Each structure stands twice: as C-alpha cells, then as structure tokens.
C-alpha cells in the first residue's frame, strides 16, 4: 500500500465516521422528541 493510498483510505474512513455520527445524532434527537 502506498502512502497516498493509505491517506485516501483514512479520508474515506473519516467521511464514513462523520456519516455514522450524524445518523446517531439524528436518532438521538428523534428519540428525545417522543
């Protein structure tokens, strides 16, 4: 694995992590409303 490939992989992981966190926050807000 080249250093650039690993760097791109980390960026993808970050994006996926942000999406997962956003989903979690939305679910929490939804639960709090009920």
N, C-alpha and C. Protein backbone atom coordinates (compact mmCIF):
# COMPACT_ATOMS: atom_id res chain seq x y z
N UNK A 1 0.86 -1.20 0.00
CA UNK A 1 0.00 0.00 0.00
C UNK A 1 0.89 1.24 0.00
N UNK A 2 0.66 2.14 -0.94
CA UNK A 2 1.44 3.37 -0.99
C UNK A 2 0.92 4.36 0.06
N UNK A 3 1.75 5.35 0.38
CA UNK A 3 1.34 6.32 1.40
C UNK A 3 0.11 7.11 0.93
N UNK A 4 0.02 7.37 -0.38
CA UNK A 4 -1.14 8.12 -0.88
C UNK A 4 -2.41 7.28 -0.74
N UNK A 5 -2.31 5.98 -1.05
CA UNK A 5 -3.48 5.12 -0.93
C UNK A 5 -3.97 5.09 0.51
N UNK A 6 -3.04 4.96 1.46
CA UNK A 6 -3.44 4.91 2.87
C UNK A 6 -4.05 6.24 3.29
N UNK A 7 -3.52 7.35 2.76
CA UNK A 7 -4.07 8.67 3.09
C UNK A 7 -5.50 8.78 2.58
N UNK A 8 -5.72 8.34 1.35
CA UNK A 8 -7.08 8.39 0.79
C UNK A 8 -8.00 7.50 1.60
N UNK A 9 -7.50 6.35 2.02
CA UNK A 9 -8.31 5.42 2.80
C UNK A 9 -8.73 6.07 4.11
N UNK A 10 -7.80 6.79 4.75
CA UNK A 10 -8.12 7.47 6.01
C UNK A 10 -9.21 8.51 5.79
N UNK A 11 -9.14 9.24 4.67
CA UNK A 11 -10.16 10.25 4.38
C UNK A 11 -11.52 9.60 4.24
N UNK A 12 -11.56 8.46 3.54
CA UNK A 12 -12.83 7.75 3.36
C UNK A 12 -13.37 7.31 4.72
N UNK A 13 -12.49 6.78 5.56
CA UNK A 13 -12.90 6.32 6.89
C UNK A 13 -13.47 7.50 7.68
N UNK A 14 -12.83 8.68 7.56
CA UNK A 14 -13.31 9.87 8.26
C UNK A 14 -14.71 10.23 7.80
N UNK A 15 -14.91 10.24 6.47
CA UNK A 15 -16.23 10.58 5.93
C UNK A 15 -17.28 9.61 6.43
N UNK A 16 -16.96 8.31 6.40
CA UNK A 16 -17.91 7.30 6.87
C UNK A 16 -18.19 7.51 8.35
N UNK A 17 -17.17 7.87 9.10
CA UNK A 17 -17.34 8.11 10.53
C UNK A 17 -18.28 9.28 10.78
N UNK A 18 -18.10 10.36 10.00
CA UNK A 18 -18.97 11.53 10.15
C UNK A 18 -20.42 11.15 9.86
N UNK A 19 -20.63 10.38 8.78
CA UNK A 19 -21.99 9.97 8.43
C UNK A 19 -22.60 9.15 9.56
N UNK A 20 -21.81 8.24 10.12
CA UNK A 20 -22.31 7.39 11.20
C UNK A 20 -22.67 8.25 12.41
N UNK A 21 -21.83 9.24 12.72
CA UNK A 21 -22.10 10.12 13.86
C UNK A 21 -23.37 10.94 13.59
N UNK A 22 -23.51 11.47 12.37
CA UNK A 22 -24.71 12.24 12.04
C UNK A 22 -25.95 11.39 12.22
N UNK A 23 -25.89 10.15 11.74
CA UNK A 23 -27.04 9.24 11.89
C UNK A 23 -27.35 9.05 13.37
N UNK A 24 -26.32 8.82 14.17
CA UNK A 24 -26.51 8.60 15.61
C UNK A 24 -27.16 9.82 16.26
N UNK A 25 -26.68 11.02 15.91
CA UNK A 25 -27.25 12.24 16.50
C UNK A 25 -28.71 12.40 16.09
N UNK A 26 -29.02 12.13 14.83
CA UNK A 26 -30.40 12.26 14.36
C UNK A 26 -31.30 11.29 15.12
N UNK A 27 -30.81 10.06 15.30
CA UNK A 27 -31.61 9.06 16.03
C UNK A 27 -31.84 9.52 17.46
N UNK A 28 -30.79 10.06 18.10
CA UNK A 28 -30.93 10.54 19.48
C UNK A 28 -31.98 11.64 19.55
N UNK A 29 -31.91 12.61 18.63
CA UNK A 29 -32.88 13.71 18.62
C UNK A 29 -34.28 13.16 18.45
N UNK A 30 -34.43 12.20 17.54
CA UNK A 30 -35.74 11.62 17.28
C UNK A 30 -36.29 10.97 18.56
N UNK A 31 -35.42 10.24 19.26
CA UNK A 31 -35.84 9.55 20.48
C UNK A 31 -36.24 10.57 21.54
N UNK A 32 -35.48 11.66 21.66
CA UNK A 32 -35.77 12.67 22.68
C UNK A 32 -37.11 13.35 22.41
N UNK A 33 -37.48 13.50 21.15
CA UNK A 33 -38.76 14.16 20.83
C UNK A 33 -39.93 13.35 21.35
N UNK A 34 -39.86 12.03 21.24
CA UNK A 34 -41.00 11.19 21.65
C UNK A 34 -41.24 11.26 23.14
